[in-house]
Every structure is written in C-alpha cells, then in structure tokens.
Amino acid sequence: MFKIQSILLTQATLAALLLSPIAPVAAQEKPGLNRAVLLEKKLKLPSPNIDAKVIRVTFPFGFKTPWHTHEGPGPRYMVKGQLKVIENGKENTYSAGEVFWETGALMSVENVGDAEAELIIFELAPAK
C-alpha cells in the first residue's frame, strides 16, 4: 500500500511540474557586449622597444598648459570636460567621449569647458 501511494505521489509531482508554466532559462536575453573602434591609426614605431604609459591628467577649470612636448605620440581619450588643443599650428576642441591622436610635437592645452576636465593619455615612447 505504501508503495502505491509513493508511486501516485511521484506521478502527481511530475505532472504538476510538467504542466506548470516555467519560463525557460536559456531563452532569457543577456545584455550584449557593445564594441566600437574609437580611433585607428597605422604607425611605424620609433623603436623596437616601446615604453607604453597610460596617464590620467586632470585640468582645473580655466587651466592652460605652457607649450610642451611629450616623450611619445599616442591616442588621447577625453573622460570629461572640454579641452582646446593646439598642435602643429592646428587648433581643435575635444569633448568627453572623443579620442584624438597626439604626435608628440610642441603643443598647448587649455580647459575651455565650464568645469574640471579629465584626459587619459596613452603614450608610446622609445624605451630608455
């Protein structure tokens, strides 16, 4: 008798599970990876040995650098704010989310936004 009740209980449980609305886990959408190339540049490296640096620079409101150079060229990524860059006689203004290429030539940078600006420098300089 106990065996028959156990079989009936098992059958009832299986029927309940099979008939109940269960959302398939595999069908749920997962957030996708979003990939975008922000800058692409073909270049010849100045040396077979490169000292790669990632540098964060914060520019206070209204700050302007003196004329200067960096050890190497590379992409620059604007994190926030707005910077006016003068390099090789050309003037450009960059805002948050933009990427630009710096050659390493003589330049000046000015925070022309209304708040602090932040820049990430990816520098590719010959190793010393």
Protein backbone atom coordinates (compact mmCIF):
# COMPACT_ATOMS: atom_id res chain seq x y z
CA MET A 1 0.00 0.00 0.00
CA PHE A 2 2.78 2.39 0.92
CA LYS A 3 4.50 1.63 -2.43
CA ILE A 4 1.35 2.52 -4.41
CA GLN A 5 0.95 5.82 -2.52
CA SER A 6 4.58 6.66 -3.17
CA ILE A 7 4.18 5.95 -6.90
CA LEU A 8 1.00 8.05 -7.07
CA LEU A 9 2.69 10.92 -5.22
CA THR A 10 5.66 10.78 -7.60
CA GLN A 11 3.34 10.78 -10.63
CA ALA A 12 1.34 13.71 -9.25
CA THR A 13 4.53 15.69 -8.59
CA LEU A 14 5.87 15.04 -12.11
CA ALA A 15 2.52 16.01 -13.65
CA ALA A 16 2.46 19.23 -11.64
CA LEU A 17 6.00 20.10 -12.72
CA LEU A 18 5.37 19.32 -16.37
CA LEU A 19 2.11 21.25 -16.51
CA SER A 20 3.22 24.32 -14.53
CA PRO A 21 4.31 27.37 -16.54
CA ILE A 22 8.10 27.54 -16.20
CA ALA A 23 9.99 30.11 -18.25
CA PRO A 24 12.98 28.53 -19.99
CA VAL A 25 16.17 29.92 -18.51
CA ALA A 26 18.14 29.63 -21.75
CA ALA A 27 15.67 31.86 -23.59
CA GLN A 28 16.26 34.84 -21.31
CA GLU A 29 18.16 37.63 -23.01
CA LYS A 30 21.51 38.66 -21.59
CA PRO A 31 22.98 42.12 -22.09
CA GLY A 32 25.32 42.14 -25.07
CA LEU A 33 28.81 43.47 -25.38
CA ASN A 34 28.97 46.74 -27.27
CA ARG A 35 32.30 47.29 -29.04
CA ALA A 36 33.23 50.38 -31.08
CA VAL A 37 36.60 51.37 -32.56
CA LEU A 38 37.16 54.96 -31.43
CA LEU A 39 40.44 55.52 -33.26
CA GLU A 40 42.55 53.51 -35.64
CA LYS A 41 45.96 54.64 -36.85
CA LYS A 42 48.68 52.78 -38.70
CA LEU A 43 52.10 53.83 -37.49
CA LYS A 44 55.72 52.86 -37.57
CA LEU A 45 57.13 52.63 -34.09
CA PRO A 46 60.23 54.76 -33.48
CA SER A 47 61.97 51.89 -31.73
CA PRO A 48 61.59 48.10 -31.39
CA ASN A 49 61.37 48.69 -27.62
CA ILE A 50 58.49 50.90 -26.53
CA ASP A 51 57.72 52.27 -23.09
CA ALA A 52 53.90 52.36 -23.08
CA LYS A 53 52.28 54.54 -20.44
CA VAL A 54 48.67 55.26 -19.51
CA ILE A 55 48.47 58.64 -17.78
CA ARG A 56 45.43 60.38 -16.27
CA VAL A 57 45.57 64.19 -16.35
CA THR A 58 43.06 66.44 -14.59
CA PHE A 59 42.80 70.05 -15.77
CA PRO A 60 41.27 72.52 -13.30
CA PHE A 61 38.66 74.95 -14.64
CA GLY A 62 40.38 77.57 -16.84
CA PHE A 63 43.83 75.90 -16.69
CA LYS A 64 46.19 76.34 -19.66
CA THR A 65 49.46 74.43 -20.07
CA PRO A 66 52.65 76.10 -21.22
CA TRP A 67 53.97 74.99 -24.62
CA HIS A 68 55.36 71.49 -24.16
CA THR A 69 56.04 68.11 -25.76
CA HIS A 70 55.52 64.53 -24.61
CA GLU A 71 58.02 61.69 -24.87
CA GLY A 72 55.94 59.89 -27.46
CA PRO A 73 52.84 60.00 -29.62
CA GLY A 74 49.62 58.16 -28.96
CA PRO A 75 45.86 58.30 -28.62
CA ARG A 76 44.22 60.58 -26.08
CA TYR A 77 40.76 59.91 -24.62
CA MET A 78 38.58 62.69 -23.16
CA VAL A 79 36.91 61.40 -20.00
CA LYS A 80 35.10 64.61 -19.09
CA GLY A 81 35.08 68.32 -19.85
CA GLN A 82 36.32 70.17 -22.90
CA LEU A 83 39.91 70.88 -23.97
CA LYS A 84 41.31 73.11 -26.71
CA VAL A 85 44.49 71.56 -28.14
CA ILE A 86 46.94 73.48 -30.31
CA GLU A 87 49.49 71.23 -32.02
CA ASN A 88 51.44 71.73 -35.27
CA GLY A 89 49.68 75.06 -35.82
CA LYS A 90 46.23 73.42 -35.76
CA GLU A 91 43.59 74.13 -33.12
CA ASN A 92 40.95 71.56 -32.16
CA THR A 93 38.47 71.32 -29.32
CA TYR A 94 37.66 67.91 -27.85
CA SER A 95 34.82 66.92 -25.50
CA ALA A 96 34.03 63.96 -23.24
CA GLY A 97 33.96 60.66 -25.14
CA GLU A 98 36.15 61.85 -28.01
CA VAL A 99 39.51 60.37 -28.95
CA PHE A 100 42.32 62.15 -30.77
CA TRP A 101 45.88 61.39 -31.84
CA GLU A 102 48.74 63.44 -30.45
CA THR A 103 52.00 63.39 -32.40
CA GLY A 104 54.31 64.38 -29.57
CA ALA A 105 55.08 67.73 -31.27
CA LEU A 106 55.13 71.08 -29.48
CA MET A 107 51.65 71.76 -28.11
CA SER A 108 49.46 73.67 -25.69
CA VAL A 109 46.23 72.54 -24.00
CA GLU A 110 43.56 74.71 -22.39
CA ASN A 111 40.47 73.74 -20.40
CA VAL A 112 37.75 75.71 -22.22
CA GLY A 113 34.82 73.95 -20.54
CA ASP A 114 32.83 75.19 -17.56
CA ALA A 115 34.22 72.63 -15.09
CA GLU A 116 37.21 70.35 -14.47
CA ALA A 117 38.39 68.32 -17.48
CA GLU A 118 39.98 64.87 -17.47
CA LEU A 119 42.12 63.26 -20.16
CA ILE A 120 43.67 59.79 -20.45
CA ILE A 121 46.98 59.78 -22.33
CA PHE A 122 48.20 56.55 -23.96
CA GLU A 123 51.86 57.36 -24.63
CA LEU A 124 54.13 55.24 -26.84
CA ALA A 125 57.70 56.39 -26.23
CA PRO A 126 61.02 54.76 -27.14
CA ALA A 127 62.30 52.81 -24.13
CA LYS A 128 65.29 54.34 -22.39
